[in-house]
Amino acid sequence: MILPALASGTAVLCDRFFDATAAYQGFSRGIGDAQVEWLNRFASGGLSPDLTFLLDVAPEDGFARLRRRGGRPDRIESESIGFHRNVREGYLRLQERHPGRILRVDGSLPADEVFLRIRETVSARFGW
């Protein structure tokens, strides 16, 4: 779906792409960065996002949000706080490696402020 859309000139917005795999499996589950990066390149055909937003929230704040939301946590949400700290660290390391592509946004800000910052960045970067 992504490649035909890009070929037609359509912008594509994904909730997650291969950075999630690198943070969750490569870093947090200890599979290893090199193996996950190779698999990501293979699976995506070498495609890489032009821009990625890292909505950064401390794991403790994320768990508090889950409690306020109620309901039953999913498989990933049920992981330990240590696991989620490792995921966050993995994402922050990715951002350090790719500062021009991965932009950190403070996810603890109110949703309308997060949206405004993202919209302003996209507008400045792509002229939309």
Protein backbone atom coordinates (compact mmCIF):
# COMPACT_ATOMS: atom_id res chain seq x y z
CA MET A 1 0.00 0.00 0.00
CA ILE A 2 2.78 2.42 0.84
CA LEU A 3 4.86 2.16 -2.33
CA PRO A 4 1.95 2.71 -4.78
CA ALA A 5 0.76 5.68 -2.73
CA LEU A 6 4.22 7.23 -2.73
CA ALA A 7 4.61 6.55 -6.45
CA SER A 8 1.39 8.46 -7.09
CA GLY A 9 2.67 11.45 -5.11
CA THR A 10 0.46 10.83 -2.08
CA ALA A 11 1.83 11.52 1.38
CA VAL A 12 1.70 8.50 3.66
CA LEU A 13 1.25 8.69 7.41
CA CYS A 14 1.93 5.55 9.49
CA ASP A 15 1.24 5.01 13.17
CA ARG A 16 4.35 2.83 13.42
CA PHE A 17 7.05 1.76 11.02
CA PHE A 18 10.36 0.04 11.52
CA ASP A 19 11.61 2.20 14.38
CA ALA A 20 9.06 0.47 16.61
CA THR A 21 10.55 -2.91 15.69
CA ALA A 22 14.04 -1.63 16.49
CA ALA A 23 12.99 -0.21 19.88
CA TYR A 24 10.79 -3.11 20.99
CA GLN A 25 12.58 -6.15 19.57
CA GLY A 26 16.10 -4.96 18.86
CA PHE A 27 16.71 -2.99 22.00
CA SER A 28 14.17 -4.11 24.63
CA ARG A 29 14.07 -7.80 23.81
CA GLY A 30 17.82 -7.93 23.13
CA ILE A 31 17.67 -9.30 19.60
CA GLY A 32 20.33 -6.82 18.56
CA ASP A 33 20.40 -3.64 16.53
CA ALA A 34 22.29 -5.01 13.53
CA GLN A 35 19.94 -7.95 13.00
CA VAL A 36 16.80 -5.85 13.36
CA GLU A 37 18.16 -3.11 11.09
CA TRP A 38 18.97 -5.70 8.41
CA LEU A 39 15.50 -7.24 8.70
CA ASN A 40 13.87 -3.82 8.57
CA ARG A 41 15.78 -2.87 5.41
CA PHE A 42 14.87 -6.21 3.83
CA ALA A 43 11.18 -6.05 4.82
CA SER A 44 10.76 -2.43 3.71
CA GLY A 45 12.72 -2.83 0.48
CA GLY A 46 15.07 -0.13 1.73
CA LEU A 47 12.22 2.35 2.22
CA SER A 48 12.74 4.78 5.07
CA PRO A 49 10.46 7.50 6.44
CA ASP A 50 11.28 11.10 5.58
CA LEU A 51 10.17 12.18 9.04
CA THR A 52 9.33 10.35 12.26
CA PHE A 53 7.85 11.86 15.38
CA LEU A 54 8.89 10.33 18.68
CA LEU A 55 6.10 11.17 21.13
CA ASP A 56 8.20 10.85 24.25
CA VAL A 57 6.43 10.01 27.52
CA ALA A 58 8.04 8.62 30.65
CA PRO A 59 6.85 5.04 31.19
CA GLU A 60 5.49 5.96 34.63
CA ASP A 61 3.28 8.61 32.99
CA GLY A 62 2.19 6.10 30.37
CA PHE A 63 1.12 3.66 33.07
CA ALA A 64 -0.81 6.43 34.83
CA ARG A 65 -2.64 7.14 31.56
CA LEU A 66 -3.48 3.44 31.25
CA ARG A 67 -4.94 3.38 34.76
CA ARG A 68 -7.09 6.47 34.02
CA ARG A 69 -8.28 4.91 30.76
CA GLY A 70 -9.43 1.78 32.54
CA GLY A 71 -10.04 -1.52 30.86
CA ARG A 72 -7.62 -4.38 30.48
CA PRO A 73 -4.07 -3.74 29.29
CA ASP A 74 -2.99 -5.46 26.07
CA ARG A 75 0.02 -7.77 25.80
CA ILE A 76 2.57 -4.96 25.43
CA GLU A 77 0.89 -2.76 28.04
CA SER A 78 1.16 -5.70 30.47
CA GLU A 79 4.97 -5.74 30.25
CA SER A 80 7.00 -4.54 33.24
CA ILE A 81 7.99 -0.94 33.85
CA GLY A 82 11.59 -2.01 33.18
CA PHE A 83 10.64 -3.25 29.73
CA HIS A 84 8.95 0.08 28.95
CA ARG A 85 11.96 2.01 30.22
CA ASN A 86 14.11 -0.01 27.82
CA VAL A 87 11.71 0.71 24.95
CA ARG A 88 11.91 4.43 25.66
CA GLU A 89 15.71 4.24 25.85
CA GLY A 90 15.73 2.40 22.52
CA TYR A 91 13.65 5.13 20.90
CA LEU A 92 15.88 7.86 22.36
CA ARG A 93 18.98 6.10 21.01
CA LEU A 94 17.36 5.89 17.58
CA GLN A 95 16.62 9.61 17.75
CA GLU A 96 20.27 10.30 18.61
CA ARG A 97 21.38 8.23 15.58
CA HIS A 98 18.90 9.88 13.21
CA PRO A 99 18.33 13.44 14.49
CA GLY A 100 17.35 14.80 11.08
CA ARG A 101 14.64 12.19 10.60
CA ILE A 102 13.40 11.42 14.13
CA LEU A 103 12.10 14.43 16.01
CA ARG A 104 11.29 14.16 19.69
CA VAL A 105 8.03 15.74 20.84
CA ASP A 106 7.16 15.97 24.52
CA GLY A 107 4.21 13.60 24.72
CA SER A 108 3.33 14.76 28.22
CA LEU A 109 2.05 18.06 26.82
CA PRO A 110 -1.70 18.50 26.24
CA ALA A 111 -2.86 16.75 23.05
CA ASP A 112 -3.68 20.03 21.28
CA GLU A 113 -0.14 21.32 21.94
CA VAL A 114 1.40 18.09 20.63
CA PHE A 115 -0.77 18.34 17.51
CA LEU A 116 0.22 21.99 16.98
CA ARG A 117 3.94 21.22 17.24
CA ILE A 118 3.65 18.33 14.80
CA ARG A 119 1.57 20.37 12.35
CA GLU A 120 4.05 23.27 12.47
CA THR A 121 6.98 20.92 11.87
CA VAL A 122 5.29 19.20 8.92
CA SER A 123 4.32 22.56 7.46
CA ALA A 124 7.85 23.93 7.77
CA ARG A 125 9.49 20.75 6.45
CA PHE A 126 7.16 19.98 3.54
CA GLY A 127 5.38 23.27 2.91
CA TRP A 128 1.91 21.88 3.61
